[in-house]
N, C-alpha and C. Protein backbone atom coordinates (compact mmCIF):
# COMPACT_ATOMS: atom_id res chain seq x y z
N MET A 1 102.03 179.38 101.19
CA MET A 1 101.25 178.22 100.79
C MET A 1 102.08 177.28 99.91
N LYS A 2 102.76 177.87 98.88
CA LYS A 2 103.59 177.05 98.00
C LYS A 2 104.71 176.40 98.78
N ARG A 3 105.28 177.13 99.70
CA ARG A 3 106.38 176.59 100.51
C ARG A 3 105.89 175.40 101.35
N THR A 4 104.70 175.53 101.93
CA THR A 4 104.12 174.44 102.73
C THR A 4 103.90 173.20 101.88
N ILE A 5 103.39 173.40 100.67
CA ILE A 5 103.17 172.27 99.77
C ILE A 5 104.51 171.61 99.43
N LEU A 6 105.53 172.41 99.13
CA LEU A 6 106.85 171.86 98.83
C LEU A 6 107.41 171.08 100.01
N ILE A 7 107.22 171.61 101.20
CA ILE A 7 107.72 170.93 102.40
C ILE A 7 107.05 169.58 102.58
N ILE A 8 105.79 169.47 102.20
CA ILE A 8 105.06 168.21 102.33
C ILE A 8 105.34 167.28 101.17
N VAL A 9 105.34 167.81 99.95
CA VAL A 9 105.44 166.99 98.74
C VAL A 9 106.86 166.48 98.49
N LEU A 10 107.86 167.29 98.65
CA LEU A 10 109.23 166.87 98.35
C LEU A 10 109.67 165.64 99.14
N PRO A 11 109.45 165.59 100.45
CA PRO A 11 109.85 164.36 101.15
C PRO A 11 109.11 163.12 100.64
N LEU A 12 107.86 163.29 100.25
CA LEU A 12 107.11 162.16 99.69
C LEU A 12 107.71 161.69 98.38
N VAL A 13 108.08 162.63 97.52
CA VAL A 13 108.71 162.29 96.24
C VAL A 13 110.02 161.55 96.49
N PHE A 14 110.84 162.05 97.40
CA PHE A 14 112.11 161.39 97.70
C PHE A 14 111.89 160.00 98.29
N ALA A 15 110.88 159.85 99.11
CA ALA A 15 110.58 158.54 99.70
C ALA A 15 110.17 157.54 98.63
N VAL A 16 109.35 157.98 97.69
CA VAL A 16 108.93 157.10 96.60
C VAL A 16 110.12 156.73 95.74
N LEU A 17 110.95 157.70 95.39
CA LEU A 17 112.13 157.42 94.58
C LEU A 17 113.09 156.49 95.31
N ALA A 18 113.29 156.70 96.58
CA ALA A 18 114.17 155.83 97.37
C ALA A 18 113.62 154.41 97.39
N GLY A 19 112.31 154.29 97.52
CA GLY A 19 111.68 152.96 97.51
C GLY A 19 111.87 152.27 96.18
N THR A 20 111.78 153.04 95.09
CA THR A 20 111.99 152.47 93.76
C THR A 20 113.42 152.00 93.61
N VAL A 21 114.37 152.80 94.04
CA VAL A 21 115.77 152.40 93.97
C VAL A 21 116.00 151.15 94.81
N SER A 22 115.45 151.13 96.02
CA SER A 22 115.61 149.95 96.88
C SER A 22 114.99 148.73 96.24
N ALA A 23 113.79 148.89 95.66
CA ALA A 23 113.12 147.76 95.02
C ALA A 23 113.96 147.23 93.86
N LYS A 24 114.54 148.13 93.07
CA LYS A 24 115.32 147.69 91.93
C LYS A 24 116.55 146.89 92.37
N SER A 25 117.06 147.17 93.54
CA SER A 25 118.23 146.42 94.00
C SER A 25 117.87 144.96 94.28
N PHE A 26 116.56 144.67 94.45
CA PHE A 26 116.15 143.29 94.71
C PHE A 26 115.78 142.55 93.43
N PHE A 27 115.57 143.27 92.34
CA PHE A 27 115.18 142.61 91.10
C PHE A 27 116.36 141.78 90.61
N LYS A 28 116.08 140.56 90.25
CA LYS A 28 117.15 139.64 89.88
C LYS A 28 116.98 139.14 88.45
N THR A 29 116.34 139.93 87.60
CA THR A 29 116.12 139.53 86.22
C THR A 29 117.46 139.22 85.55
N GLY A 30 117.52 138.07 84.89
CA GLY A 30 118.75 137.63 84.21
C GLY A 30 119.66 136.80 85.09
N GLU A 31 119.35 136.68 86.36
CA GLU A 31 120.16 135.89 87.29
C GLU A 31 119.49 134.54 87.56
N PRO A 32 120.27 133.55 87.96
CA PRO A 32 119.65 132.27 88.35
C PRO A 32 118.71 132.47 89.54
N ALA A 33 117.57 131.83 89.49
CA ALA A 33 116.61 131.93 90.59
C ALA A 33 117.16 131.17 91.79
N PRO A 34 117.19 131.81 92.95
CA PRO A 34 117.63 131.11 94.16
C PRO A 34 116.71 129.91 94.44
N VAL A 35 117.30 128.78 94.72
CA VAL A 35 116.51 127.56 94.92
C VAL A 35 116.13 127.39 96.39
N PHE A 36 115.03 126.71 96.60
CA PHE A 36 114.52 126.43 97.94
C PHE A 36 113.65 125.18 97.88
N THR A 37 113.42 124.59 99.02
CA THR A 37 112.51 123.47 99.15
C THR A 37 111.60 123.76 100.34
N LEU A 38 110.28 123.71 100.09
CA LEU A 38 109.30 124.01 101.13
C LEU A 38 108.16 122.99 101.07
N THR A 39 107.30 123.05 102.07
CA THR A 39 106.15 122.15 102.13
C THR A 39 104.89 122.91 101.76
N ALA A 40 104.08 122.29 100.90
CA ALA A 40 102.81 122.88 100.48
C ALA A 40 101.78 122.70 101.59
N ILE A 41 100.71 123.48 101.53
CA ILE A 41 99.64 123.36 102.52
C ILE A 41 98.99 121.98 102.46
N THR A 42 99.15 121.29 101.34
CA THR A 42 98.58 119.95 101.18
C THR A 42 99.53 118.87 101.69
N GLY A 43 100.74 119.26 102.10
CA GLY A 43 101.67 118.30 102.71
C GLY A 43 102.83 117.87 101.85
N GLU A 44 102.76 118.03 100.52
CA GLU A 44 103.87 117.58 99.68
C GLU A 44 105.02 118.58 99.71
N THR A 45 106.22 118.07 99.48
CA THR A 45 107.42 118.89 99.42
C THR A 45 107.61 119.35 97.99
N VAL A 46 107.89 120.64 97.82
CA VAL A 46 108.11 121.20 96.50
C VAL A 46 109.46 121.90 96.50
N SER A 47 110.26 121.55 95.52
CA SER A 47 111.58 122.16 95.36
C SER A 47 111.61 122.95 94.07
N LEU A 48 112.12 124.16 94.12
CA LEU A 48 112.25 124.94 92.89
C LEU A 48 113.17 124.21 91.90
N ALA A 49 114.20 123.57 92.40
CA ALA A 49 115.13 122.83 91.53
C ALA A 49 114.42 121.71 90.77
N SER A 50 113.41 121.10 91.39
CA SER A 50 112.69 120.00 90.73
C SER A 50 111.82 120.50 89.58
N LEU A 51 111.60 121.80 89.49
CA LEU A 51 110.77 122.37 88.43
C LEU A 51 111.59 122.82 87.23
N LYS A 52 112.92 122.64 87.31
CA LYS A 52 113.77 123.02 86.19
C LYS A 52 113.30 122.25 84.94
N GLY A 53 113.28 122.92 83.82
CA GLY A 53 112.76 122.33 82.59
C GLY A 53 111.36 122.84 82.27
N LYS A 54 110.74 123.51 83.26
CA LYS A 54 109.44 124.14 83.06
C LYS A 54 109.58 125.65 83.20
N VAL A 55 108.65 126.38 82.65
CA VAL A 55 108.55 127.81 82.93
C VAL A 55 107.83 127.90 84.27
N VAL A 56 108.40 128.62 85.21
CA VAL A 56 107.84 128.70 86.56
C VAL A 56 107.33 130.12 86.82
N VAL A 57 106.10 130.19 87.31
CA VAL A 57 105.53 131.45 87.79
C VAL A 57 105.51 131.34 89.31
N LEU A 58 106.34 132.15 89.95
CA LEU A 58 106.51 132.09 91.40
C LEU A 58 105.95 133.35 92.03
N GLY A 59 104.96 133.18 92.90
CA GLY A 59 104.38 134.31 93.61
C GLY A 59 104.77 134.27 95.07
N LEU A 60 105.33 135.36 95.57
CA LEU A 60 105.67 135.47 96.98
C LEU A 60 104.65 136.39 97.64
N PHE A 61 103.98 135.86 98.67
CA PHE A 61 102.86 136.56 99.27
C PHE A 61 102.96 136.60 100.78
N HIS A 62 102.29 137.59 101.34
CA HIS A 62 102.02 137.66 102.77
C HIS A 62 100.50 137.56 102.90
N ILE A 63 99.98 137.77 104.07
CA ILE A 63 98.53 137.82 104.26
C ILE A 63 98.13 139.29 104.19
N CYS A 64 97.67 139.70 103.00
CA CYS A 64 97.29 141.09 102.77
C CYS A 64 96.36 141.15 101.56
N GLU A 65 95.66 142.26 101.44
CA GLU A 65 94.70 142.44 100.34
C GLU A 65 95.38 142.39 98.97
N PRO A 66 96.49 143.10 98.73
CA PRO A 66 97.14 143.00 97.41
C PRO A 66 97.59 141.56 97.10
N CYS A 67 98.00 140.83 98.12
CA CYS A 67 98.42 139.44 97.91
C CYS A 67 97.23 138.56 97.56
N LEU A 68 96.08 138.84 98.14
CA LEU A 68 94.86 138.10 97.81
C LEU A 68 94.53 138.31 96.33
N MET A 69 94.61 139.54 95.87
CA MET A 69 94.31 139.83 94.47
C MET A 69 95.32 139.17 93.53
N GLN A 70 96.61 139.27 93.88
CA GLN A 70 97.64 138.69 93.02
C GLN A 70 97.59 137.17 93.07
N GLY A 71 97.30 136.60 94.23
CA GLY A 71 97.16 135.15 94.34
C GLY A 71 95.99 134.64 93.51
N THR A 72 94.93 135.44 93.44
CA THR A 72 93.79 135.11 92.59
C THR A 72 94.20 135.15 91.12
N ASN A 73 94.99 136.16 90.74
CA ASN A 73 95.50 136.22 89.37
C ASN A 73 96.34 134.99 89.04
N LEU A 74 97.13 134.53 90.00
CA LEU A 74 97.94 133.34 89.75
C LEU A 74 97.07 132.10 89.53
N GLN A 75 95.93 132.03 90.21
CA GLN A 75 95.02 130.91 89.96
C GLN A 75 94.54 130.94 88.51
N LYS A 76 94.25 132.13 88.00
CA LYS A 76 93.81 132.27 86.61
C LYS A 76 94.94 131.89 85.65
N VAL A 77 96.17 132.25 85.99
CA VAL A 77 97.33 131.85 85.18
C VAL A 77 97.47 130.33 85.21
N TYR A 78 97.32 129.75 86.38
CA TYR A 78 97.41 128.29 86.53
C TYR A 78 96.38 127.59 85.64
N GLU A 79 95.16 128.07 85.67
CA GLU A 79 94.10 127.47 84.86
C GLU A 79 94.37 127.65 83.36
N ALA A 80 94.88 128.81 82.97
CA ALA A 80 95.13 129.11 81.56
C ALA A 80 96.33 128.34 81.00
N THR A 81 97.23 127.88 81.87
CA THR A 81 98.44 127.19 81.40
C THR A 81 98.41 125.69 81.64
N ARG A 82 97.27 125.16 82.09
CA ARG A 82 97.17 123.70 82.27
C ARG A 82 97.48 123.00 80.96
N GLY A 83 98.23 121.92 81.05
CA GLY A 83 98.59 121.17 79.87
C GLY A 83 99.82 121.71 79.17
N LYS A 84 100.33 122.84 79.63
CA LYS A 84 101.55 123.41 79.06
C LYS A 84 102.69 123.12 80.03
N ASP A 85 103.89 123.35 79.60
CA ASP A 85 105.07 123.08 80.41
C ASP A 85 105.33 124.24 81.38
N VAL A 86 104.33 124.50 82.24
CA VAL A 86 104.37 125.64 83.16
C VAL A 86 104.04 125.15 84.56
N ALA A 87 104.76 125.65 85.55
CA ALA A 87 104.46 125.38 86.96
C ALA A 87 104.15 126.72 87.63
N VAL A 88 103.00 126.80 88.29
CA VAL A 88 102.62 127.98 89.06
C VAL A 88 102.74 127.60 90.53
N VAL A 89 103.47 128.42 91.28
CA VAL A 89 103.72 128.14 92.70
C VAL A 89 103.54 129.43 93.49
N GLY A 90 102.78 129.35 94.57
CA GLY A 90 102.65 130.47 95.49
C GLY A 90 103.37 130.13 96.79
N VAL A 91 103.93 131.13 97.43
CA VAL A 91 104.62 130.93 98.70
C VAL A 91 104.16 131.98 99.70
N ASN A 92 103.74 131.55 100.87
CA ASN A 92 103.54 132.50 101.96
C ASN A 92 104.92 132.71 102.55
N SER A 93 105.56 133.81 102.16
CA SER A 93 106.96 134.05 102.53
C SER A 93 107.09 134.80 103.85
N ALA A 94 105.97 135.07 104.52
CA ALA A 94 106.00 135.87 105.75
C ALA A 94 106.20 135.05 107.01
N GLY A 95 106.21 133.72 106.87
CA GLY A 95 106.39 132.88 108.05
C GLY A 95 105.10 132.61 108.82
N ASN A 96 103.94 132.91 108.20
CA ASN A 96 102.67 132.66 108.88
C ASN A 96 102.43 131.16 109.07
N SER A 97 101.61 130.82 110.05
CA SER A 97 101.29 129.42 110.34
C SER A 97 100.42 128.84 109.23
N LYS A 98 100.41 127.53 109.12
CA LYS A 98 99.57 126.85 108.14
C LYS A 98 98.11 127.23 108.37
N LYS A 99 97.70 127.28 109.63
CA LYS A 99 96.31 127.63 109.95
C LYS A 99 95.97 129.03 109.44
N ALA A 100 96.84 129.98 109.69
CA ALA A 100 96.60 131.36 109.24
C ALA A 100 96.54 131.43 107.71
N VAL A 101 97.43 130.70 107.04
CA VAL A 101 97.45 130.70 105.58
C VAL A 101 96.19 130.05 105.03
N MET A 102 95.75 128.96 105.63
CA MET A 102 94.52 128.29 105.19
C MET A 102 93.31 129.23 105.36
N GLU A 103 93.27 129.95 106.46
CA GLU A 103 92.17 130.91 106.69
C GLU A 103 92.22 132.02 105.64
N PHE A 104 93.43 132.48 105.32
CA PHE A 104 93.60 133.51 104.30
C PHE A 104 93.14 133.01 102.93
N LEU A 105 93.56 131.81 102.56
CA LEU A 105 93.19 131.26 101.26
C LEU A 105 91.68 131.06 101.15
N ALA A 106 91.02 130.80 102.27
CA ALA A 106 89.57 130.62 102.27
C ALA A 106 88.83 131.92 101.92
N THR A 107 89.50 133.06 102.02
CA THR A 107 88.88 134.34 101.70
C THR A 107 89.00 134.69 100.21
N PHE A 108 89.78 133.91 99.45
CA PHE A 108 89.96 134.19 98.02
C PHE A 108 88.63 134.02 97.29
N PRO A 109 88.40 134.82 96.25
CA PRO A 109 87.17 134.66 95.47
C PRO A 109 87.16 133.40 94.59
N VAL A 110 88.31 132.76 94.46
CA VAL A 110 88.44 131.50 93.72
C VAL A 110 89.15 130.49 94.61
N LYS A 111 88.95 129.22 94.33
CA LYS A 111 89.66 128.18 95.08
C LYS A 111 91.07 128.06 94.50
N VAL A 112 92.07 128.15 95.37
CA VAL A 112 93.46 128.04 94.94
C VAL A 112 93.81 126.56 94.80
N THR A 113 94.18 126.17 93.57
CA THR A 113 94.53 124.77 93.32
C THR A 113 95.98 124.59 92.91
N TYR A 114 96.71 125.69 92.72
CA TYR A 114 98.13 125.57 92.45
C TYR A 114 98.86 125.33 93.78
N PRO A 115 100.06 124.75 93.73
CA PRO A 115 100.79 124.51 94.99
C PRO A 115 101.04 125.81 95.74
N TYR A 116 100.61 125.85 96.99
CA TYR A 116 100.79 127.03 97.84
C TYR A 116 101.64 126.58 99.03
N LEU A 117 102.84 127.14 99.13
CA LEU A 117 103.84 126.67 100.07
C LEU A 117 103.89 127.54 101.32
N ILE A 118 104.27 126.91 102.41
CA ILE A 118 104.45 127.59 103.69
C ILE A 118 105.96 127.76 103.91
N ASP A 119 106.35 128.94 104.33
CA ASP A 119 107.77 129.24 104.55
C ASP A 119 107.96 129.78 105.98
N PRO A 120 107.92 128.88 106.98
CA PRO A 120 107.97 129.33 108.38
C PRO A 120 109.26 130.06 108.75
N ASN A 121 110.35 129.77 108.05
CA ASN A 121 111.63 130.41 108.37
C ASN A 121 111.94 131.60 107.47
N LYS A 122 110.99 131.99 106.64
CA LYS A 122 111.12 133.14 105.74
C LYS A 122 112.33 133.04 104.82
N ILE A 123 112.62 131.84 104.38
CA ILE A 123 113.76 131.60 103.49
C ILE A 123 113.60 132.38 102.19
N THR A 124 112.40 132.32 101.61
CA THR A 124 112.19 133.00 100.33
C THR A 124 112.26 134.51 100.47
N ASP A 125 111.82 135.03 101.61
CA ASP A 125 111.96 136.47 101.84
C ASP A 125 113.43 136.87 101.80
N LYS A 126 114.27 136.05 102.40
CA LYS A 126 115.71 136.35 102.43
C LYS A 126 116.32 136.19 101.04
N LEU A 127 115.94 135.13 100.33
CA LEU A 127 116.53 134.86 99.01
C LEU A 127 116.08 135.85 97.94
N TYR A 128 114.84 136.31 98.06
CA TYR A 128 114.25 137.13 97.01
C TYR A 128 113.99 138.57 97.41
N GLY A 129 114.65 139.08 98.43
CA GLY A 129 114.59 140.51 98.66
C GLY A 129 114.03 140.99 99.97
N GLY A 130 113.91 140.15 100.95
CA GLY A 130 113.59 140.64 102.27
C GLY A 130 112.14 140.92 102.55
N GLY A 131 111.23 140.62 101.63
CA GLY A 131 109.81 140.76 101.90
C GLY A 131 109.31 142.18 102.06
N ARG A 132 110.13 143.16 101.71
CA ARG A 132 109.70 144.55 101.85
C ARG A 132 108.74 144.94 100.74
N PHE A 133 108.77 144.24 99.64
CA PHE A 133 107.94 144.57 98.49
C PHE A 133 107.08 143.36 98.15
N ILE A 134 105.83 143.40 98.56
CA ILE A 134 104.94 142.25 98.43
C ILE A 134 103.63 142.75 97.84
N PRO A 135 102.93 142.00 97.01
CA PRO A 135 103.29 140.71 96.44
C PRO A 135 104.40 140.86 95.40
N ASN A 136 105.05 139.77 95.13
CA ASN A 136 106.17 139.76 94.22
C ASN A 136 106.02 138.53 93.32
N VAL A 137 106.04 138.73 92.02
CA VAL A 137 105.89 137.62 91.08
C VAL A 137 107.13 137.54 90.20
N TYR A 138 107.67 136.33 90.09
CA TYR A 138 108.82 136.06 89.24
C TYR A 138 108.40 135.05 88.17
N ILE A 139 108.93 135.23 86.97
CA ILE A 139 108.78 134.20 85.94
C ILE A 139 110.19 133.71 85.64
N ILE A 140 110.34 132.41 85.77
CA ILE A 140 111.65 131.75 85.67
C ILE A 140 111.63 130.84 84.44
N ASP A 141 112.67 130.94 83.62
CA ASP A 141 112.70 130.13 82.40
C ASP A 141 113.05 128.67 82.70
N ARG A 142 113.06 127.86 81.67
CA ARG A 142 113.29 126.41 81.82
C ARG A 142 114.67 126.08 82.37
N ASP A 143 115.61 127.03 82.23
CA ASP A 143 116.97 126.82 82.73
C ASP A 143 117.15 127.34 84.15
N GLY A 144 116.08 127.86 84.76
CA GLY A 144 116.18 128.34 86.13
C GLY A 144 116.64 129.79 86.26
N VAL A 145 116.51 130.58 85.18
CA VAL A 145 116.93 131.97 85.19
C VAL A 145 115.69 132.86 85.27
N ILE A 146 115.75 133.85 86.14
CA ILE A 146 114.64 134.80 86.27
C ILE A 146 114.59 135.67 85.03
N ARG A 147 113.46 135.66 84.34
CA ARG A 147 113.31 136.44 83.11
C ARG A 147 112.38 137.62 83.25
N TRP A 148 111.56 137.62 84.31
CA TRP A 148 110.59 138.70 84.50
C TRP A 148 110.24 138.77 85.97
N GLN A 149 110.02 139.98 86.47
CA GLN A 149 109.69 140.15 87.88
C GLN A 149 108.91 141.43 88.07
N ARG A 150 107.89 141.37 88.90
CA ARG A 150 107.11 142.56 89.23
C ARG A 150 106.75 142.56 90.70
N VAL A 151 106.73 143.75 91.25
CA VAL A 151 106.33 143.95 92.64
C VAL A 151 104.97 144.62 92.64
N GLY A 152 104.14 144.22 93.56
CA GLY A 152 102.85 144.87 93.73
C GLY A 152 101.74 144.18 92.97
N ASN A 153 100.55 144.63 93.23
CA ASN A 153 99.37 144.04 92.63
C ASN A 153 99.22 144.52 91.20
N MET A 154 99.01 143.60 90.29
CA MET A 154 98.78 143.93 88.89
C MET A 154 97.32 143.72 88.55
N ASP A 155 96.43 144.01 89.49
CA ASP A 155 95.01 143.71 89.32
C ASP A 155 94.39 144.39 88.12
N LEU A 156 94.83 145.60 87.79
CA LEU A 156 94.24 146.29 86.65
C LEU A 156 94.47 145.52 85.36
N ALA A 157 95.62 144.87 85.23
CA ALA A 157 95.92 144.11 84.03
C ALA A 157 95.45 142.66 84.18
N GLY A 158 95.08 142.27 85.38
CA GLY A 158 94.69 140.88 85.60
C GLY A 158 95.85 139.96 85.33
N PRO A 159 95.54 138.73 85.02
CA PRO A 159 96.62 137.76 84.76
C PRO A 159 97.24 137.90 83.38
N ASP A 160 96.68 138.77 82.53
CA ASP A 160 97.14 138.86 81.14
C ASP A 160 98.60 139.21 81.01
N VAL A 161 99.09 140.11 81.85
CA VAL A 161 100.51 140.52 81.78
C VAL A 161 101.40 139.30 82.04
N ILE A 162 101.07 138.54 83.06
CA ILE A 162 101.86 137.35 83.40
C ILE A 162 101.78 136.33 82.27
N LEU A 163 100.57 136.10 81.77
CA LEU A 163 100.39 135.12 80.69
C LEU A 163 101.18 135.49 79.44
N GLN A 164 101.24 136.77 79.10
CA GLN A 164 102.02 137.21 77.94
C GLN A 164 103.49 136.86 78.11
N GLU A 165 104.02 137.10 79.31
CA GLU A 165 105.43 136.80 79.57
C GLU A 165 105.69 135.29 79.53
N VAL A 166 104.77 134.51 80.08
CA VAL A 166 104.90 133.05 80.05
C VAL A 166 104.89 132.56 78.61
N GLU A 167 103.95 133.08 77.81
CA GLU A 167 103.84 132.65 76.41
C GLU A 167 105.11 132.99 75.63
N LYS A 168 105.71 134.15 75.91
CA LYS A 168 106.97 134.52 75.25
C LYS A 168 108.05 133.47 75.53
N LEU A 169 108.15 133.06 76.80
CA LEU A 169 109.17 132.07 77.16
C LEU A 169 108.87 130.71 76.55
N LEU A 170 107.61 130.33 76.54
CA LEU A 170 107.25 129.05 75.93
C LEU A 170 107.57 129.06 74.43
N ALA A 171 107.28 130.17 73.76
CA ALA A 171 107.55 130.28 72.33
C ALA A 171 109.05 130.29 72.04
N SER A 172 109.81 131.02 72.84
CA SER A 172 111.26 131.09 72.58
C SER A 172 111.94 129.77 72.89
N SER A 173 111.48 129.06 73.90
CA SER A 173 112.13 127.79 74.23
C SER A 173 111.72 126.70 73.25
N SER A 174 110.52 126.80 72.65
CA SER A 174 110.13 125.78 71.66
C SER A 174 110.87 125.98 70.36
N ARG A 175 111.24 127.26 70.05
CA ARG A 175 112.03 127.51 68.85
C ARG A 175 113.45 127.00 68.99
N SER A 176 113.97 127.02 70.22
CA SER A 176 115.36 126.61 70.42
C SER A 176 115.51 125.11 70.63
N MET A 177 114.39 124.40 70.68
CA MET A 177 114.47 122.95 70.90
C MET A 177 114.69 122.21 69.62
């Protein structure tokens, strides 16, 4: 019985550890954020480079339940940071059509009002780690450097974890000005 459990459990443990190691290889904390220019579902062009000088909260999403929850958290972050030097941006990094993304956004429990970009060529997936770990949230400082990054849904903590990191960057950059 113990041997059977070991045969089942050990491969699972190794798979989880391998996934963690692989995920860490994509984390780019302390590195310049790769820049991109995409079109929002509303039609305007948004460039990450044009947001330099602001603290940026960047969410990379596919069409999935964890992404719906994290995208909802980003809406709460967007609302909480209005009037501050913060830009919240969501990206459908899976290459889904505008129609599919619009249908997905319609299922959110809140109306998404932050810029939500379409990435038909999966540029952001390539730049930020291949889309194997979704949802993915990055916080980028005013100089364009990634200062914080998390993979997966943070629903238990809600938007508070993200807001704390944003506030830290806002406070540190106001002290250095």
